[in-house]
All heavy atoms as atom14 arrays in JSON, in Angstrom:
{
  "sequence": "SMLEEKNILAFEIGEKQGKSLKSLAKEYYPEAIITIEKDLSSRDR",
  "atom14_mask": [
    [1, 1, 1, 1, 1, 1, 0, 0, 0, 0, 0, 0, 0, 0],
    [1, 1, 1, 1, 1, 1, 1, 1, 0, 0, 0, 0, 0, 0],
    [1, 1, 1, 1, 1, 1, 1, 1, 0, 0, 0, 0, 0, 0],
    [1, 1, 1, 1, 1, 1, 1, 1, 1, 0, 0, 0, 0, 0],
    [1, 1, 1, 1, 1, 1, 1, 1, 1, 0, 0, 0, 0, 0],
    [1, 1, 1, 1, 1, 1, 1, 1, 1, 0, 0, 0, 0, 0],
    [1, 1, 1, 1, 1, 1, 1, 1, 0, 0, 0, 0, 0, 0],
    [1, 1, 1, 1, 1, 1, 1, 1, 0, 0, 0, 0, 0, 0],
    [1, 1, 1, 1, 1, 1, 1, 1, 0, 0, 0, 0, 0, 0],
    [1, 1, 1, 1, 1, 0, 0, 0, 0, 0, 0, 0, 0, 0],
    [1, 1, 1, 1, 1, 1, 1, 1, 1, 1, 1, 0, 0, 0],
    [1, 1, 1, 1, 1, 1, 1, 1, 1, 0, 0, 0, 0, 0],
    [1, 1, 1, 1, 1, 1, 1, 1, 0, 0, 0, 0, 0, 0],
    [1, 1, 1, 1, 0, 0, 0, 0, 0, 0, 0, 0, 0, 0],
    [1, 1, 1, 1, 1, 1, 1, 1, 1, 0, 0, 0, 0, 0],
    [1, 1, 1, 1, 1, 1, 1, 1, 1, 0, 0, 0, 0, 0],
    [1, 1, 1, 1, 1, 1, 1, 1, 1, 0, 0, 0, 0, 0],
    [1, 1, 1, 1, 0, 0, 0, 0, 0, 0, 0, 0, 0, 0],
    [1, 1, 1, 1, 1, 1, 1, 1, 1, 0, 0, 0, 0, 0],
    [1, 1, 1, 1, 1, 1, 0, 0, 0, 0, 0, 0, 0, 0],
    [1, 1, 1, 1, 1, 1, 1, 1, 0, 0, 0, 0, 0, 0],
    [1, 1, 1, 1, 1, 1, 1, 1, 1, 0, 0, 0, 0, 0],
    [1, 1, 1, 1, 1, 1, 0, 0, 0, 0, 0, 0, 0, 0],
    [1, 1, 1, 1, 1, 1, 1, 1, 0, 0, 0, 0, 0, 0],
    [1, 1, 1, 1, 1, 0, 0, 0, 0, 0, 0, 0, 0, 0],
    [1, 1, 1, 1, 1, 1, 1, 1, 1, 0, 0, 0, 0, 0],
    [1, 1, 1, 1, 1, 1, 1, 1, 1, 0, 0, 0, 0, 0],
    [1, 1, 1, 1, 1, 1, 1, 1, 1, 1, 1, 1, 0, 0],
    [1, 1, 1, 1, 1, 1, 1, 1, 1, 1, 1, 1, 0, 0],
    [1, 1, 1, 1, 1, 1, 1, 0, 0, 0, 0, 0, 0, 0],
    [1, 1, 1, 1, 1, 1, 1, 1, 1, 0, 0, 0, 0, 0],
    [1, 1, 1, 1, 1, 0, 0, 0, 0, 0, 0, 0, 0, 0],
    [1, 1, 1, 1, 1, 1, 1, 1, 0, 0, 0, 0, 0, 0],
    [1, 1, 1, 1, 1, 1, 1, 1, 0, 0, 0, 0, 0, 0],
    [1, 1, 1, 1, 1, 1, 1, 0, 0, 0, 0, 0, 0, 0],
    [1, 1, 1, 1, 1, 1, 1, 1, 0, 0, 0, 0, 0, 0],
    [1, 1, 1, 1, 1, 1, 1, 1, 1, 0, 0, 0, 0, 0],
    [1, 1, 1, 1, 1, 1, 1, 1, 1, 0, 0, 0, 0, 0],
    [1, 1, 1, 1, 1, 1, 1, 1, 0, 0, 0, 0, 0, 0],
    [1, 1, 1, 1, 1, 1, 1, 1, 0, 0, 0, 0, 0, 0],
    [1, 1, 1, 1, 1, 1, 0, 0, 0, 0, 0, 0, 0, 0],
    [1, 1, 1, 1, 1, 1, 0, 0, 0, 0, 0, 0, 0, 0],
    [1, 1, 1, 1, 1, 1, 1, 1, 1, 1, 1, 0, 0, 0],
    [1, 1, 1, 1, 1, 1, 1, 1, 0, 0, 0, 0, 0, 0],
    [1, 1, 1, 1, 1, 1, 1, 1, 1, 1, 1, 0, 0, 0]
  ],
  "atom14_positions": [
    [[0.07, -0.71, 16.44], [0.39, -1.31, 17.73], [0.62, -2.82, 17.64], [0.85, -3.48, 18.64], [-0.76, -1.06, 18.72], [-1.96, -1.68, 18.26], [0.0, 0.0, 0.0], [0.0, 0.0, 0.0], [0.0, 0.0, 0.0], [0.0, 0.0, 0.0], [0.0, 0.0, 0.0], [0.0, 0.0, 0.0], [0.0, 0.0, 0.0], [0.0, 0.0, 0.0]],
    [[0.56, -3.36, 16.41], [0.63, -4.8, 16.23], [1.91, -5.28, 15.55], [2.13, -6.48, 15.43], [-0.57, -5.28, 15.39], [-1.91, -5.01, 16.04], [-3.29, -5.3, 14.9], [-3.13, -7.04, 14.61], [0.0, 0.0, 0.0], [0.0, 0.0, 0.0], [0.0, 0.0, 0.0], [0.0, 0.0, 0.0], [0.0, 0.0, 0.0], [0.0, 0.0, 0.0]],
    [[2.75, -4.35, 15.12], [3.89, -4.72, 14.3], [5.23, -4.55, 15.01], [5.41, -3.63, 15.8], [3.9, -3.87, 13.02], [2.83, -4.22, 11.99], [2.69, -3.09, 10.98], [3.15, -5.53, 11.29], [0.0, 0.0, 0.0], [0.0, 0.0, 0.0], [0.0, 0.0, 0.0], [0.0, 0.0, 0.0], [0.0, 0.0, 0.0], [0.0, 0.0, 0.0]],
    [[6.14, -5.47, 14.69], [7.52, -5.3, 15.12], [8.13, -4.11, 14.38], [7.58, -3.6, 13.41], [8.33, -6.57, 14.8], [7.85, -7.82, 15.51], [8.3, -7.87, 16.97], [8.89, -6.87, 17.45], [8.06, -8.9, 17.62], [0.0, 0.0, 0.0], [0.0, 0.0, 0.0], [0.0, 0.0, 0.0], [0.0, 0.0, 0.0], [0.0, 0.0, 0.0]],
    [[9.3, -3.67, 14.84], [9.94, -2.49, 14.23], [10.22, -2.7, 12.74], [10.01, -1.81, 11.92], [11.23, -2.17, 14.97], [11.9, -0.89, 14.47], [13.14, -0.53, 15.28], [13.41, -1.22, 16.29], [13.83, 0.41, 14.88], [0.0, 0.0, 0.0], [0.0, 0.0, 0.0], [0.0, 0.0, 0.0], [0.0, 0.0, 0.0], [0.0, 0.0, 0.0]],
    [[10.69, -3.89, 12.38], [10.94, -4.23, 10.98], [9.74, -5.0, 10.48], [9.44, -6.09, 10.97], [12.21, -5.07, 10.87], [12.65, -5.36, 9.44], [13.98, -6.12, 9.44], [14.48, -6.37, 8.02], [15.79, -7.09, 8.0], [0.0, 0.0, 0.0], [0.0, 0.0, 0.0], [0.0, 0.0, 0.0], [0.0, 0.0, 0.0], [0.0, 0.0, 0.0]],
    [[9.0, -4.42, 9.51], [7.74, -5.04, 9.12], [7.33, -4.72, 7.69], [7.85, -3.79, 7.07], [6.63, -4.61, 10.09], [6.38, -3.11, 10.03], [5.81, -2.61, 9.05], [6.8, -2.37, 11.06], [0.0, 0.0, 0.0], [0.0, 0.0, 0.0], [0.0, 0.0, 0.0], [0.0, 0.0, 0.0], [0.0, 0.0, 0.0], [0.0, 0.0, 0.0]],
    [[6.38, -5.51, 7.2], [5.78, -5.3, 5.88], [4.27, -5.47, 6.02], [3.8, -6.38, 6.69], [6.32, -6.3, 4.85], [7.82, -6.08, 4.6], [5.55, -6.18, 3.52], [8.44, -7.11, 3.66], [0.0, 0.0, 0.0], [0.0, 0.0, 0.0], [0.0, 0.0, 0.0], [0.0, 0.0, 0.0], [0.0, 0.0, 0.0], [0.0, 0.0, 0.0]],
    [[3.53, -4.57, 5.37], [2.09, -4.74, 5.21], [1.82, -4.96, 3.73], [2.33, -4.22, 2.88], [1.31, -3.52, 5.7], [1.41, -3.2, 7.19], [2.44, -2.1, 7.43], [0.05, -2.76, 7.73], [0.0, 0.0, 0.0], [0.0, 0.0, 0.0], [0.0, 0.0, 0.0], [0.0, 0.0, 0.0], [0.0, 0.0, 0.0], [0.0, 0.0, 0.0]],
    [[1.03, -5.99, 3.42], [0.77, -6.35, 2.02], [-0.74, -6.51, 1.83], [-1.39, -7.27, 2.56], [1.49, -7.65, 1.67], [0.0, 0.0, 0.0], [0.0, 0.0, 0.0], [0.0, 0.0, 0.0], [0.0, 0.0, 0.0], [0.0, 0.0, 0.0], [0.0, 0.0, 0.0], [0.0, 0.0, 0.0], [0.0, 0.0, 0.0], [0.0, 0.0, 0.0]],
    [[-1.28, -5.8, 0.85], [-2.71, -5.82, 0.61], [-3.03, -6.04, -0.86], [-2.35, -5.5, -1.75], [-3.35, -4.48, 0.99], [-3.25, -4.1, 2.43], [-2.25, -3.24, 2.86], [-4.16, -4.56, 3.37], [-2.15, -2.84, 4.19], [-4.07, -4.18, 4.7], [-3.06, -3.33, 5.12], [0.0, 0.0, 0.0], [0.0, 0.0, 0.0], [0.0, 0.0, 0.0]],
    [[-4.11, -6.77, -1.12], [-4.75, -6.72, -2.42], [-5.75, -5.58, -2.38], [-6.42, -5.38, -1.36], [-5.46, -8.05, -2.74], [-6.06, -8.07, -4.14], [-6.62, -9.42, -4.53], [-6.03, -10.45, -4.14], [-7.66, -9.45, -5.22], [0.0, 0.0, 0.0], [0.0, 0.0, 0.0], [0.0, 0.0, 0.0], [0.0, 0.0, 0.0], [0.0, 0.0, 0.0]],
    [[-5.88, -4.83, -3.48], [-6.74, -3.66, -3.5], [-7.59, -3.62, -4.77], [-7.32, -4.34, -5.74], [-5.91, -2.35, -3.4], [-5.07, -2.15, -4.67], [-5.03, -2.38, -2.14], [-4.34, -0.82, -4.73], [0.0, 0.0, 0.0], [0.0, 0.0, 0.0], [0.0, 0.0, 0.0], [0.0, 0.0, 0.0], [0.0, 0.0, 0.0], [0.0, 0.0, 0.0]],
    [[-8.59, -2.76, -4.77], [-9.39, -2.54, -5.96], [-8.63, -1.7, -6.97], [-7.8, -0.86, -6.6], [0.0, 0.0, 0.0], [0.0, 0.0, 0.0], [0.0, 0.0, 0.0], [0.0, 0.0, 0.0], [0.0, 0.0, 0.0], [0.0, 0.0, 0.0], [0.0, 0.0, 0.0], [0.0, 0.0, 0.0], [0.0, 0.0, 0.0], [0.0, 0.0, 0.0]],
    [[-8.9, -1.91, -8.24], [-8.11, -1.28, -9.3], [-8.21, 0.25, -9.33], [-7.35, 0.91, -9.92], [-8.52, -1.84, -10.66], [-9.97, -1.57, -11.04], [-10.32, -2.22, -12.36], [-10.73, -3.39, -12.35], [-10.2, -1.54, -13.4], [0.0, 0.0, 0.0], [0.0, 0.0, 0.0], [0.0, 0.0, 0.0], [0.0, 0.0, 0.0], [0.0, 0.0, 0.0]],
    [[-9.22, 0.82, -8.68], [-9.38, 2.27, -8.67], [-9.0, 2.89, -7.33], [-9.22, 4.07, -7.11], [-10.83, 2.64, -9.01], [-11.26, 2.19, -10.41], [-12.72, 2.54, -10.68], [-13.15, 2.06, -12.06], [-14.59, 2.36, -12.31], [0.0, 0.0, 0.0], [0.0, 0.0, 0.0], [0.0, 0.0, 0.0], [0.0, 0.0, 0.0], [0.0, 0.0, 0.0]],
    [[-8.4, 2.08, -6.45], [-8.14, 2.55, -5.08], [-6.69, 2.91, -4.81], [-6.36, 3.38, -3.73], [-8.58, 1.46, -4.09], [-10.07, 1.17, -4.12], [-10.46, -0.04, -3.28], [-9.65, -0.95, -3.07], [-11.68, -0.05, -2.79], [0.0, 0.0, 0.0], [0.0, 0.0, 0.0], [0.0, 0.0, 0.0], [0.0, 0.0, 0.0], [0.0, 0.0, 0.0]],
    [[-5.81, 2.7, -5.78], [-4.38, 2.88, -5.55], [-3.99, 4.25, -5.02], [-3.28, 4.37, -4.02], [0.0, 0.0, 0.0], [0.0, 0.0, 0.0], [0.0, 0.0, 0.0], [0.0, 0.0, 0.0], [0.0, 0.0, 0.0], [0.0, 0.0, 0.0], [0.0, 0.0, 0.0], [0.0, 0.0, 0.0], [0.0, 0.0, 0.0], [0.0, 0.0, 0.0]],
    [[-4.44, 5.29, -5.7], [-4.06, 6.65, -5.32], [-4.54, 6.99, -3.91], [-3.8, 7.52, -3.09], [-4.62, 7.65, -6.32], [-4.17, 9.07, -6.1], [-4.69, 9.99, -7.2], [-4.24, 11.43, -6.98], [-4.76, 12.34, -8.05], [0.0, 0.0, 0.0], [0.0, 0.0, 0.0], [0.0, 0.0, 0.0], [0.0, 0.0, 0.0], [0.0, 0.0, 0.0]],
    [[-5.8, 6.66, -3.62], [-6.37, 6.96, -2.3], [-5.66, 6.18, -1.21], [-5.37, 6.73, -0.12], [-7.87, 6.62, -2.29], [-8.58, 7.41, -3.21], [0.0, 0.0, 0.0], [0.0, 0.0, 0.0], [0.0, 0.0, 0.0], [0.0, 0.0, 0.0], [0.0, 0.0, 0.0], [0.0, 0.0, 0.0], [0.0, 0.0, 0.0], [0.0, 0.0, 0.0]],
    [[-5.36, 4.92, -1.48], [-4.73, 4.1, -0.45], [-3.27, 4.46, -0.22], [-2.77, 4.37, 0.9], [-4.86, 2.62, -0.81], [-6.27, 2.04, -0.62], [-6.32, 0.61, -1.11], [-6.68, 2.11, 0.84], [0.0, 0.0, 0.0], [0.0, 0.0, 0.0], [0.0, 0.0, 0.0], [0.0, 0.0, 0.0], [0.0, 0.0, 0.0], [0.0, 0.0, 0.0]],
    [[-2.6, 4.9, -1.26], [-1.22, 5.34, -1.07], [-1.17, 6.57, -0.18], [-0.32, 6.67, 0.71], [-0.56, 5.63, -2.42], [0.95, 5.86, -2.32], [1.6, 5.88, -3.68], [3.13, 5.95, -3.54], [3.81, 5.91, -4.86], [0.0, 0.0, 0.0], [0.0, 0.0, 0.0], [0.0, 0.0, 0.0], [0.0, 0.0, 0.0], [0.0, 0.0, 0.0]],
    [[-2.09, 7.49, -0.38], [-2.17, 8.69, 0.46], [-2.51, 8.31, 1.9], [-1.94, 8.85, 2.85], [-3.23, 9.65, -0.09], [-2.86, 10.12, -1.36], [0.0, 0.0, 0.0], [0.0, 0.0, 0.0], [0.0, 0.0, 0.0], [0.0, 0.0, 0.0], [0.0, 0.0, 0.0], [0.0, 0.0, 0.0], [0.0, 0.0, 0.0], [0.0, 0.0, 0.0]],
    [[-3.45, 7.38, 2.04], [-3.84, 6.93, 3.37], [-2.68, 6.25, 4.08], [-2.43, 6.5, 5.27], [-5.02, 5.97, 3.26], [-5.67, 5.5, 4.56], [-6.26, 6.69, 5.33], [-6.76, 4.47, 4.26], [0.0, 0.0, 0.0], [0.0, 0.0, 0.0], [0.0, 0.0, 0.0], [0.0, 0.0, 0.0], [0.0, 0.0, 0.0], [0.0, 0.0, 0.0]],
    [[-1.95, 5.43, 3.36], [-0.81, 4.73, 3.95], [0.26, 5.72, 4.42], [0.89, 5.51, 5.47], [-0.21, 3.76, 2.93], [0.0, 0.0, 0.0], [0.0, 0.0, 0.0], [0.0, 0.0, 0.0], [0.0, 0.0, 0.0], [0.0, 0.0, 0.0], [0.0, 0.0, 0.0], [0.0, 0.0, 0.0], [0.0, 0.0, 0.0], [0.0, 0.0, 0.0]],
    [[0.46, 6.79, 3.68], [1.45, 7.8, 4.06], [1.08, 8.51, 5.35], [1.95, 8.96, 6.1], [1.62, 8.81, 2.93], [2.42, 8.28, 1.74], [2.6, 9.35, 0.66], [3.44, 8.82, -0.49], [3.61, 9.82, -1.58], [0.0, 0.0, 0.0], [0.0, 0.0, 0.0], [0.0, 0.0, 0.0], [0.0, 0.0, 0.0], [0.0, 0.0, 0.0]],
    [[-0.21, 8.62, 5.61], [-0.66, 9.24, 6.86], [-0.22, 8.42, 8.07], [0.18, 8.97, 9.1], [-2.18, 9.4, 6.86], [-2.72, 10.42, 5.87], [-4.22, 10.53, 5.95], [-4.79, 10.21, 7.02], [-4.83, 10.95, 4.95], [0.0, 0.0, 0.0], [0.0, 0.0, 0.0], [0.0, 0.0, 0.0], [0.0, 0.0, 0.0], [0.0, 0.0, 0.0]],
    [[-0.31, 7.11, 7.95], [0.02, 6.23, 9.07], [1.48, 5.82, 9.09], [2.04, 5.56, 10.16], [-0.87, 4.98, 9.02], [-2.31, 5.27, 9.37], [-3.25, 5.5, 8.38], [-2.73, 5.34, 10.7], [-4.58, 5.78, 8.7], [-4.04, 5.62, 11.04], [-4.96, 5.84, 10.02], [-6.26, 6.13, 10.36], [0.0, 0.0, 0.0], [0.0, 0.0, 0.0]],
    [[2.11, 5.77, 7.91], [3.51, 5.34, 7.82], [4.29, 6.32, 6.93], [4.7, 5.97, 5.81], [3.6, 3.92, 7.27], [3.02, 2.88, 8.2], [1.71, 2.44, 8.07], [3.78, 2.35, 9.24], [1.17, 1.5, 8.94], [3.26, 1.41, 10.12], [1.95, 0.99, 9.96], [1.44, 0.06, 10.82], [0.0, 0.0, 0.0], [0.0, 0.0, 0.0]],
    [[4.5, 7.55, 7.42], [5.15, 8.58, 6.59], [6.59, 8.26, 6.21], [7.09, 8.79, 5.22], [5.05, 9.83, 7.47], [4.9, 9.33, 8.87], [4.11, 8.07, 8.74], [0.0, 0.0, 0.0], [0.0, 0.0, 0.0], [0.0, 0.0, 0.0], [0.0, 0.0, 0.0], [0.0, 0.0, 0.0], [0.0, 0.0, 0.0], [0.0, 0.0, 0.0]],
    [[7.27, 7.42, 6.98], [8.67, 7.11, 6.7], [8.85, 5.79, 5.93], [9.97, 5.41, 5.62], [9.45, 7.02, 8.03], [9.35, 8.26, 8.91], [9.87, 9.5, 8.22], [10.89, 9.4, 7.5], [9.25, 10.57, 8.39], [0.0, 0.0, 0.0], [0.0, 0.0, 0.0], [0.0, 0.0, 0.0], [0.0, 0.0, 0.0], [0.0, 0.0, 0.0]],
    [[7.76, 5.12, 5.62], [7.85, 3.8, 4.99], [8.07, 3.89, 3.49], [7.83, 4.92, 2.85], [6.57, 3.02, 5.27], [0.0, 0.0, 0.0], [0.0, 0.0, 0.0], [0.0, 0.0, 0.0], [0.0, 0.0, 0.0], [0.0, 0.0, 0.0], [0.0, 0.0, 0.0], [0.0, 0.0, 0.0], [0.0, 0.0, 0.0], [0.0, 0.0, 0.0]],
    [[8.53, 2.78, 2.93], [8.54, 2.61, 1.48], [7.13, 2.15, 1.09], [6.67, 1.09, 1.54], [9.57, 1.55, 1.05], [10.97, 1.96, 1.49], [9.53, 1.32, -0.46], [11.99, 0.83, 1.39], [0.0, 0.0, 0.0], [0.0, 0.0, 0.0], [0.0, 0.0, 0.0], [0.0, 0.0, 0.0], [0.0, 0.0, 0.0], [0.0, 0.0, 0.0]],
    [[6.43, 2.94, 0.31], [5.05, 2.63, -0.04], [4.94, 2.49, -1.56], [5.3, 3.41, -2.3], [4.08, 3.72, 0.46], [4.17, 3.84, 1.99], [2.65, 3.4, 0.03], [3.42, 5.01, 2.57], [0.0, 0.0, 0.0], [0.0, 0.0, 0.0], [0.0, 0.0, 0.0], [0.0, 0.0, 0.0], [0.0, 0.0, 0.0], [0.0, 0.0, 0.0]],
    [[4.46, 1.33, -2.01], [4.36, 1.11, -3.44], [2.99, 0.54, -3.81], [2.41, -0.25, -3.06], [5.43, 0.12, -3.95], [5.24, -1.15, -3.33], [6.82, 0.62, -3.63], [0.0, 0.0, 0.0], [0.0, 0.0, 0.0], [0.0, 0.0, 0.0], [0.0, 0.0, 0.0], [0.0, 0.0, 0.0], [0.0, 0.0, 0.0], [0.0, 0.0, 0.0]],
    [[2.48, 0.98, -4.95], [1.3, 0.39, -5.56], [1.78, -0.41, -6.76], [2.49, 0.13, -7.62], [0.29, 1.46, -6.03], [-0.18, 2.32, -4.86], [-0.9, 0.81, -6.74], [-1.02, 1.59, -3.83], [0.0, 0.0, 0.0], [0.0, 0.0, 0.0], [0.0, 0.0, 0.0], [0.0, 0.0, 0.0], [0.0, 0.0, 0.0], [0.0, 0.0, 0.0]],
    [[1.44, -1.68, -6.81], [1.88, -2.52, -7.92], [0.69, -3.04, -8.72], [-0.42, -3.15, -8.2], [2.73, -3.68, -7.4], [4.01, -3.2, -6.72], [5.03, -4.31, -6.57], [4.97, -5.29, -7.34], [5.88, -4.18, -5.68], [0.0, 0.0, 0.0], [0.0, 0.0, 0.0], [0.0, 0.0, 0.0], [0.0, 0.0, 0.0], [0.0, 0.0, 0.0]],
    [[0.94, -3.34, -9.98], [-0.11, -3.75, -10.89], [-0.19, -5.27, -11.02], [0.78, -5.98, -10.79], [0.12, -3.12, -12.27], [0.07, -1.6, -12.25], [0.22, -1.02, -13.64], [0.22, 0.51, -13.6], [-1.05, 1.06, -13.1], [0.0, 0.0, 0.0], [0.0, 0.0, 0.0], [0.0, 0.0, 0.0], [0.0, 0.0, 0.0], [0.0, 0.0, 0.0]],
    [[-1.37, -5.75, -11.41], [-1.54, -7.18, -11.68], [-1.15, -7.47, -13.13], [-0.67, -6.58, -13.85], [-2.97, -7.63, -11.37], [-4.03, -6.88, -12.19], [-3.68, -6.34, -13.27], [-5.21, -6.87, -11.78], [0.0, 0.0, 0.0], [0.0, 0.0, 0.0], [0.0, 0.0, 0.0], [0.0, 0.0, 0.0], [0.0, 0.0, 0.0], [0.0, 0.0, 0.0]],
    [[-1.37, -8.67, -13.59], [-0.97, -9.06, -14.93], [-1.79, -8.37, -16.01], [-1.41, -8.37, -17.18], [-1.08, -10.59, -15.09], [-0.1, -11.42, -14.25], [-0.36, -12.9, -14.44], [1.35, -11.07, -14.61], [0.0, 0.0, 0.0], [0.0, 0.0, 0.0], [0.0, 0.0, 0.0], [0.0, 0.0, 0.0], [0.0, 0.0, 0.0], [0.0, 0.0, 0.0]],
    [[-2.91, -7.77, -15.62], [-3.73, -7.01, -16.56], [-3.4, -5.52, -16.51], [-4.15, -4.7, -17.05], [-5.22, -7.23, -16.25], [-5.57, -8.59, -16.37], [0.0, 0.0, 0.0], [0.0, 0.0, 0.0], [0.0, 0.0, 0.0], [0.0, 0.0, 0.0], [0.0, 0.0, 0.0], [0.0, 0.0, 0.0], [0.0, 0.0, 0.0], [0.0, 0.0, 0.0]],
    [[-2.29, -5.18, -15.84], [-1.81, -3.8, -15.72], [-2.79, -2.89, -14.97], [-2.86, -1.69, -15.22], [-1.53, -3.2, -17.11], [-0.48, -3.92, -17.74], [0.0, 0.0, 0.0], [0.0, 0.0, 0.0], [0.0, 0.0, 0.0], [0.0, 0.0, 0.0], [0.0, 0.0, 0.0], [0.0, 0.0, 0.0], [0.0, 0.0, 0.0], [0.0, 0.0, 0.0]],
    [[-3.52, -3.48, -14.03], [-4.41, -2.7, -13.17], [-3.78, -2.59, -11.79], [-3.18, -3.54, -11.3], [-5.78, -3.37, -13.05], [-6.55, -3.5, -14.36], [-7.94, -4.07, -14.08], [-8.73, -4.16, -15.28], [-8.86, -5.26, -16.01], [-8.25, -6.38, -15.64], [-9.62, -5.28, -17.09], [0.0, 0.0, 0.0], [0.0, 0.0, 0.0], [0.0, 0.0, 0.0]],
    [[-3.94, -1.44, -11.14], [-3.49, -1.3, -9.76], [-4.16, -2.38, -8.92], [-5.39, -2.5, -8.91], [-3.87, 0.09, -9.21], [-3.0, 1.19, -9.79], [-2.01, 0.89, -10.46], [-3.33, 2.37, -9.55], [0.0, 0.0, 0.0], [0.0, 0.0, 0.0], [0.0, 0.0, 0.0], [0.0, 0.0, 0.0], [0.0, 0.0, 0.0], [0.0, 0.0, 0.0]],
    [[-3.35, -3.17, -8.2], [-3.94, -4.3, -7.49], [-3.3, -4.6, -6.14], [-3.88, -5.3, -5.31], [-3.83, -5.56, -8.37], [-4.58, -6.76, -7.87], [-6.07, -6.54, -7.81], [-6.63, -6.34, -9.14], [-7.85, -5.91, -9.39], [-8.66, -5.62, -8.38], [-8.28, -5.74, -10.62], [0.0, 0.0, 0.0], [0.0, 0.0, 0.0], [0.0, 0.0, 0.0]]
  ]
}
């Protein structure tokens, strides 16, 4: 209820949370482009 039609959500996450958070994000934004990206240590971040 807080976002304009064209929007981006950006989060820092724990290295073991990527899979769970991607699934959670799909529940709320099923049509969005959802990506998990890694930090310089190649950890989900």
